[in-house]
Amino acid sequence: MGIRSEDIGEQLIMAGYTDVFNLYGGIFEWFKQGQPVYDAANNRVEKIHGYLPRYGKWLTKGLKVYDE
């Protein structure tokens, strides 16, 4: 997990962007620490997409969803 965002971050830096960060632990760690997550309508959510069950096991807080 995290390799996709790391790769995209490197591409952005190579394209000239300077304020590029990779969130350590990803969205799962962010959510686990109680940080807010919002949907496209700016509503705070308690559901996090688990991608696949083998990854969702790392999401220990909130509601895991796999398809909506």
PDB file of N, CA and C in Angstrom:
ATOM      1  N   MET A   1       0.842  -1.179   0.000  1.00  0.00           N
ATOM      2  CA  MET A   1       0.000   0.000   0.000  1.00  0.00           C
ATOM      3  C   MET A   1       0.881   1.233   0.000  1.00  0.00           C
ATOM      4  N   GLY A   2       0.417   2.262  -0.682  1.00  0.00           N
ATOM      5  CA  GLY A   2       1.138   3.517  -0.702  1.00  0.00           C
ATOM      6  C   GLY A   2       2.037   3.704  -1.903  1.00  0.00           C
ATOM      7  N   ILE A   3       2.317   2.639  -2.622  1.00  0.00           N
ATOM      8  CA  ILE A   3       3.230   2.763  -3.756  1.00  0.00           C
ATOM      9  C   ILE A   3       2.615   3.594  -4.870  1.00  0.00           C
ATOM     10  N   ARG A   4       1.305   3.506  -5.051  1.00  0.00           N
ATOM     11  CA  ARG A   4       0.672   4.304  -6.110  1.00  0.00           C
ATOM     12  C   ARG A   4       0.811   5.787  -5.829  1.00  0.00           C
ATOM     13  N   SER A   5       0.537   6.194  -4.599  1.00  0.00           N
ATOM     14  CA  SER A   5       0.641   7.616  -4.275  1.00  0.00           C
ATOM     15  C   SER A   5       2.089   8.086  -4.318  1.00  0.00           C
ATOM     16  N   GLU A   6       3.018   7.218  -3.941  1.00  0.00           N
ATOM     17  CA  GLU A   6       4.434   7.585  -4.022  1.00  0.00           C
ATOM     18  C   GLU A   6       4.843   7.803  -5.475  1.00  0.00           C
ATOM     19  N   ASP A   7       4.407   6.911  -6.355  1.00  0.00           N
ATOM     20  CA  ASP A   7       4.716   7.050  -7.779  1.00  0.00           C
ATOM     21  C   ASP A   7       4.112   8.326  -8.358  1.00  0.00           C
ATOM     22  N   ILE A   8       2.862   8.603  -8.030  1.00  0.00           N
ATOM     23  CA  ILE A   8       2.201   9.815  -8.527  1.00  0.00           C
ATOM     24  C   ILE A   8       2.908  11.052  -7.989  1.00  0.00           C
ATOM     25  N   GLY A   9       3.291  11.029  -6.719  1.00  0.00           N
ATOM     26  CA  GLY A   9       4.020  12.154  -6.134  1.00  0.00           C
ATOM     27  C   GLY A   9       5.310  12.440  -6.877  1.00  0.00           C
ATOM     28  N   GLU A  10       6.040  11.396  -7.214  1.00  0.00           N
ATOM     29  CA  GLU A  10       7.284  11.573  -7.969  1.00  0.00           C
ATOM     30  C   GLU A  10       7.008  12.162  -9.344  1.00  0.00           C
ATOM     31  N   GLN A  11       5.929  11.731  -9.987  1.00  0.00           N
ATOM     32  CA  GLN A  11       5.567  12.275 -11.296  1.00  0.00           C
ATOM     33  C   GLN A  11       5.212  13.755 -11.193  1.00  0.00           C
ATOM     34  N   LEU A  12       4.501  14.125 -10.134  1.00  0.00           N
ATOM     35  CA  LEU A  12       4.143  15.532  -9.943  1.00  0.00           C
ATOM     36  C   LEU A  12       5.382  16.392  -9.728  1.00  0.00           C
ATOM     37  N   ILE A  13       6.316  15.902  -8.934  1.00  0.00           N
ATOM     38  CA  ILE A  13       7.567  16.636  -8.703  1.00  0.00           C
ATOM     39  C   ILE A  13       8.327  16.798 -10.015  1.00  0.00           C
ATOM     40  N   MET A  14       8.396  15.736 -10.803  1.00  0.00           N
ATOM     41  CA  MET A  14       9.088  15.808 -12.091  1.00  0.00           C
ATOM     42  C   MET A  14       8.392  16.777 -13.049  1.00  0.00           C
ATOM     43  N   ALA A  15       7.080  16.974 -12.853  1.00  0.00           N
ATOM     44  CA  ALA A  15       6.320  17.902 -13.691  1.00  0.00           C
ATOM     45  C   ALA A  15       6.433  19.338 -13.199  1.00  0.00           C
ATOM     46  N   GLY A  16       7.163  19.554 -12.086  1.00  0.00           N
ATOM     47  CA  GLY A  16       7.394  20.909 -11.613  1.00  0.00           C
ATOM     48  C   GLY A  16       6.620  21.336 -10.381  1.00  0.00           C
ATOM     49  N   TYR A  17       5.761  20.481  -9.871  1.00  0.00           N
ATOM     50  CA  TYR A  17       5.027  20.827  -8.651  1.00  0.00           C
ATOM     51  C   TYR A  17       5.978  20.762  -7.459  1.00  0.00           C
ATOM     52  N   THR A  18       5.791  21.683  -6.504  1.00  0.00           N
ATOM     53  CA  THR A  18       6.708  21.737  -5.363  1.00  0.00           C
ATOM     54  C   THR A  18       6.053  21.361  -4.039  1.00  0.00           C
ATOM     55  N   ASP A  19       4.774  21.588  -3.878  1.00  0.00           N
ATOM     56  CA  ASP A  19       4.084  21.253  -2.624  1.00  0.00           C
ATOM     57  C   ASP A  19       3.441  19.873  -2.754  1.00  0.00           C
ATOM     58  N   VAL A  20       4.275  18.849  -2.783  1.00  0.00           N
ATOM     59  CA  VAL A  20       3.812  17.474  -2.966  1.00  0.00           C
ATOM     60  C   VAL A  20       4.164  16.681  -1.717  1.00  0.00           C
ATOM     61  N   PHE A  21       3.180  15.995  -1.165  1.00  0.00           N
ATOM     62  CA  PHE A  21       3.387  15.224   0.053  1.00  0.00           C
ATOM     63  C   PHE A  21       2.755  13.851  -0.102  1.00  0.00           C
ATOM     64  N   ASN A  22       3.326  12.864   0.553  1.00  0.00           N
ATOM     65  CA  ASN A  22       2.771  11.520   0.583  1.00  0.00           C
ATOM     66  C   ASN A  22       2.346  11.244   2.023  1.00  0.00           C
ATOM     67  N   LEU A  23       1.083  10.953   2.218  1.00  0.00           N
ATOM     68  CA  LEU A  23       0.519  10.736   3.548  1.00  0.00           C
ATOM     69  C   LEU A  23       0.982   9.391   4.097  1.00  0.00           C
ATOM     70  N   TYR A  24       1.867   9.414   5.088  1.00  0.00           N
ATOM     71  CA  TYR A  24       2.389   8.177   5.675  1.00  0.00           C
ATOM     72  C   TYR A  24       1.243   7.364   6.275  1.00  0.00           C
ATOM     73  N   GLY A  25       1.147   6.120   5.901  1.00  0.00           N
ATOM     74  CA  GLY A  25       0.078   5.258   6.400  1.00  0.00           C
ATOM     75  C   GLY A  25      -1.204   5.373   5.604  1.00  0.00           C
ATOM     76  N   GLY A  26      -1.257   6.324   4.705  1.00  0.00           N
ATOM     77  CA  GLY A  26      -2.409   6.490   3.830  1.00  0.00           C
ATOM     78  C   GLY A  26      -3.671   6.922   4.556  1.00  0.00           C
ATOM     79  N   ILE A  27      -4.771   6.798   3.839  1.00  0.00           N
ATOM     80  CA  ILE A  27      -6.066   7.218   4.371  1.00  0.00           C
ATOM     81  C   ILE A  27      -6.473   6.383   5.582  1.00  0.00           C
ATOM     82  N   PHE A  28      -6.031   5.106   5.627  1.00  0.00           N
ATOM     83  CA  PHE A  28      -6.383   4.263   6.767  1.00  0.00           C
ATOM     84  C   PHE A  28      -5.787   4.815   8.056  1.00  0.00           C
ATOM     85  N   GLU A  29      -4.520   5.166   8.030  1.00  0.00           N
ATOM     86  CA  GLU A  29      -3.858   5.691   9.232  1.00  0.00           C
ATOM     87  C   GLU A  29      -4.446   7.042   9.614  1.00  0.00           C
ATOM     88  N   TRP A  30      -4.699   7.887   8.619  1.00  0.00           N
ATOM     89  CA  TRP A  30      -5.305   9.202   8.847  1.00  0.00           C
ATOM     90  C   TRP A  30      -6.630   9.034   9.591  1.00  0.00           C
ATOM     91  N   PHE A  31      -7.480   8.148   9.089  1.00  0.00           N
ATOM     92  CA  PHE A  31      -8.793   7.919   9.677  1.00  0.00           C
ATOM     93  C   PHE A  31      -8.671   7.295  11.056  1.00  0.00           C
ATOM     94  N   LYS A  32      -7.749   6.354  11.208  1.00  0.00           N
ATOM     95  CA  LYS A  32      -7.543   5.677  12.494  1.00  0.00           C
ATOM     96  C   LYS A  32      -7.138   6.668  13.584  1.00  0.00           C
ATOM     97  N   GLN A  33      -6.419   7.713  13.209  1.00  0.00           N
ATOM     98  CA  GLN A  33      -5.998   8.728  14.170  1.00  0.00           C
ATOM     99  C   GLN A  33      -7.097   9.741  14.482  1.00  0.00           C
ATOM    100  N   GLY A  34      -8.277   9.549  13.907  1.00  0.00           N
ATOM    101  CA  GLY A  34      -9.396  10.439  14.196  1.00  0.00           C
ATOM    102  C   GLY A  34      -9.440  11.691  13.345  1.00  0.00           C
ATOM    103  N   GLN A  35      -8.647  11.722  12.292  1.00  0.00           N
ATOM    104  CA  GLN A  35      -8.656  12.880  11.400  1.00  0.00           C
ATOM    105  C   GLN A  35      -9.904  12.824  10.518  1.00  0.00           C
ATOM    106  N   PRO A  36     -10.434  13.978  10.139  1.00  0.00           N
ATOM    107  CA  PRO A  36     -11.672  13.984   9.359  1.00  0.00           C
ATOM    108  C   PRO A  36     -11.459  13.576   7.903  1.00  0.00           C
ATOM    109  N   VAL A  37     -12.472  12.916   7.355  1.00  0.00           N
ATOM    110  CA  VAL A  37     -12.510  12.555   5.938  1.00  0.00           C
ATOM    111  C   VAL A  37     -13.857  13.029   5.406  1.00  0.00           C
ATOM    112  N   TYR A  38     -13.831  13.664   4.239  1.00  0.00           N
ATOM    113  CA  TYR A  38     -15.034  14.257   3.659  1.00  0.00           C
ATOM    114  C   TYR A  38     -15.312  13.688   2.275  1.00  0.00           C
ATOM    115  N   ASP A  39     -16.592  13.651   1.923  1.00  0.00           N
ATOM    116  CA  ASP A  39     -16.959  13.213   0.580  1.00  0.00           C
ATOM    117  C   ASP A  39     -16.952  14.412  -0.372  1.00  0.00           C
ATOM    118  N   ALA A  40     -17.349  14.184  -1.609  1.00  0.00           N
ATOM    119  CA  ALA A  40     -17.316  15.233  -2.631  1.00  0.00           C
ATOM    120  C   ALA A  40     -18.257  16.390  -2.315  1.00  0.00           C
ATOM    121  N   ALA A  41     -19.299  16.146  -1.508  1.00  0.00           N
ATOM    122  CA  ALA A  41     -20.245  17.195  -1.122  1.00  0.00           C
ATOM    123  C   ALA A  41     -19.826  17.886   0.172  1.00  0.00           C
ATOM    124  N   ASN A  42     -18.608  17.608   0.636  1.00  0.00           N
ATOM    125  CA  ASN A  42     -18.040  18.197   1.849  1.00  0.00           C
ATOM    126  C   ASN A  42     -18.751  17.742   3.126  1.00  0.00           C
ATOM    127  N   ASN A  43     -19.310  16.534   3.105  1.00  0.00           N
ATOM    128  CA  ASN A  43     -19.912  15.934   4.295  1.00  0.00           C
ATOM    129  C   ASN A  43     -18.890  14.997   4.929  1.00  0.00           C
ATOM    130  N   ARG A  44     -18.754  15.095   6.237  1.00  0.00           N
ATOM    131  CA  ARG A  44     -17.832  14.198   6.934  1.00  0.00           C
ATOM    132  C   ARG A  44     -18.370  12.773   6.857  1.00  0.00           C
ATOM    133  N   VAL A  45     -17.496  11.822   6.596  1.00  0.00           N
ATOM    134  CA  VAL A  45     -17.922  10.434   6.412  1.00  0.00           C
ATOM    135  C   VAL A  45     -17.315   9.519   7.467  1.00  0.00           C
ATOM    136  N   GLU A  46     -17.992   8.395   7.682  1.00  0.00           N
ATOM    137  CA  GLU A  46     -17.489   7.349   8.572  1.00  0.00           C
ATOM    138  C   GLU A  46     -17.191   6.075   7.796  1.00  0.00           C
ATOM    139  N   LYS A  47     -17.410   6.118   6.481  1.00  0.00           N
ATOM    140  CA  LYS A  47     -17.135   4.964   5.629  1.00  0.00           C
ATOM    141  C   LYS A  47     -15.845   5.216   4.861  1.00  0.00           C
ATOM    142  N   ILE A  48     -15.005   4.202   4.811  1.00  0.00           N
ATOM    143  CA  ILE A  48     -13.759   4.276   4.052  1.00  0.00           C
ATOM    144  C   ILE A  48     -13.699   3.060   3.137  1.00  0.00           C
ATOM    145  N   HIS A  49     -13.360   3.295   1.892  1.00  0.00           N
ATOM    146  CA  HIS A  49     -13.258   2.185   0.945  1.00  0.00           C
ATOM    147  C   HIS A  49     -12.038   1.344   1.290  1.00  0.00           C
ATOM    148  N   GLY A  50     -12.251   0.058   1.489  1.00  0.00           N
ATOM    149  CA  GLY A  50     -11.172  -0.838   1.897  1.00  0.00           C
ATOM    150  C   GLY A  50     -10.381  -1.438   0.751  1.00  0.00           C
ATOM    151  N   TYR A  51     -10.712  -1.072  -0.480  1.00  0.00           N
ATOM    152  CA  TYR A  51     -10.053  -1.590  -1.684  1.00  0.00           C
ATOM    153  C   TYR A  51     -10.301  -3.084  -1.845  1.00  0.00           C
ATOM    154  N   LEU A  52      -9.646  -3.885  -1.070  1.00  0.00           N
ATOM    155  CA  LEU A  52      -9.818  -5.340  -1.063  1.00  0.00           C
ATOM    156  C   LEU A  52      -9.751  -5.811   0.383  1.00  0.00           C
ATOM    157  N   PRO A  53     -10.395  -6.928   0.730  1.00  0.00           N
ATOM    158  CA  PRO A  53     -10.339  -7.401   2.116  1.00  0.00           C
ATOM    159  C   PRO A  53      -8.920  -7.547   2.662  1.00  0.00           C
ATOM    160  N   ARG A  54      -7.970  -7.915   1.821  1.00  0.00           N
ATOM    161  CA  ARG A  54      -6.596  -8.067   2.323  1.00  0.00           C
ATOM    162  C   ARG A  54      -5.989  -6.730   2.737  1.00  0.00           C
ATOM    163  N   TYR A  55      -6.491  -5.623   2.192  1.00  0.00           N
ATOM    164  CA  TYR A  55      -6.034  -4.302   2.617  1.00  0.00           C
ATOM    165  C   TYR A  55      -6.931  -3.738   3.715  1.00  0.00           C
ATOM    166  N   GLY A  56      -8.227  -4.031   3.614  1.00  0.00           N
ATOM    167  CA  GLY A  56      -9.184  -3.512   4.580  1.00  0.00           C
ATOM    168  C   GLY A  56      -8.907  -3.939   6.007  1.00  0.00           C
ATOM    169  N   LYS A  57      -8.166  -5.031   6.182  1.00  0.00           N
ATOM    170  CA  LYS A  57      -7.847  -5.475   7.543  1.00  0.00           C
ATOM    171  C   LYS A  57      -7.054  -4.424   8.307  1.00  0.00           C
ATOM    172  N   TRP A  58      -6.389  -3.513   7.594  1.00  0.00           N
ATOM    173  CA  TRP A  58      -5.595  -2.470   8.249  1.00  0.00           C
ATOM    174  C   TRP A  58      -6.455  -1.296   8.694  1.00  0.00           C
ATOM    175  N   LEU A  59      -7.700  -1.245   8.254  1.00  0.00           N
ATOM    176  CA  LEU A  59      -8.616  -0.186   8.667  1.00  0.00           C
ATOM    177  C   LEU A  59      -9.362  -0.674   9.898  1.00  0.00           C
ATOM    178  N   THR A  60      -8.968  -0.178  11.056  1.00  0.00           N
ATOM    179  CA  THR A  60      -9.507  -0.689  12.318  1.00  0.00           C
ATOM    180  C   THR A  60     -10.536   0.239  12.948  1.00  0.00           C
ATOM    181  N   LYS A  61     -10.874   1.331  12.263  1.00  0.00           N
ATOM    182  CA  LYS A  61     -11.850   2.276  12.786  1.00  0.00           C
ATOM    183  C   LYS A  61     -12.805   2.650  11.656  1.00  0.00           C
ATOM    184  N   GLY A  62     -14.046   2.959  11.998  1.00  0.00           N
ATOM    185  CA  GLY A  62     -15.012   3.348  10.984  1.00  0.00           C
ATOM    186  C   GLY A  62     -15.613   2.142  10.288  1.00  0.00           C
ATOM    187  N   LEU A  63     -16.320   2.419   9.212  1.00  0.00           N
ATOM    188  CA  LEU A  63     -17.007   1.380   8.455  1.00  0.00           C
ATOM    189  C   LEU A  63     -16.267   1.121   7.151  1.00  0.00           C
ATOM    190  N   LYS A  64     -15.882  -0.125   6.936  1.00  0.00           N
ATOM    191  CA  LYS A  64     -15.228  -0.508   5.685  1.00  0.00           C
ATOM    192  C   LYS A  64     -16.286  -0.777   4.639  1.00  0.00           C
ATOM    193  N   VAL A  65     -16.072  -0.274   3.459  1.00  0.00           N
ATOM    194  CA  VAL A  65     -16.926  -0.613   2.325  1.00  0.00           C
ATOM    195  C   VAL A  65     -16.025  -1.069   1.187  1.00  0.00           C
ATOM    196  N   TYR A  66     -16.566  -1.937   0.366  1.00  0.00           N
ATOM    197  CA  TYR A  66     -15.804  -2.426  -0.780  1.00  0.00           C
ATOM    198  C   TYR A  66     -16.472  -2.071  -2.096  1.00  0.00           C
ATOM    199  N   ASP A  67     -17.779  -1.950  -2.115  1.00  0.00           N
ATOM    200  CA  ASP A  67     -18.523  -1.529  -3.306  1.00  0.00           C
ATOM    201  C   ASP A  67     -19.715  -0.713  -2.852  1.00  0.00           C
ATOM    202  N   GLU A  68     -20.023   0.307  -3.622  1.00  0.00           N
ATOM    203  CA  GLU A  68     -21.215   1.107  -3.299  1.00  0.00           C
ATOM    204  C   GLU A  68     -22.008   1.362  -4.544  1.00  0.00           C
TER     205      GLU A  68
END
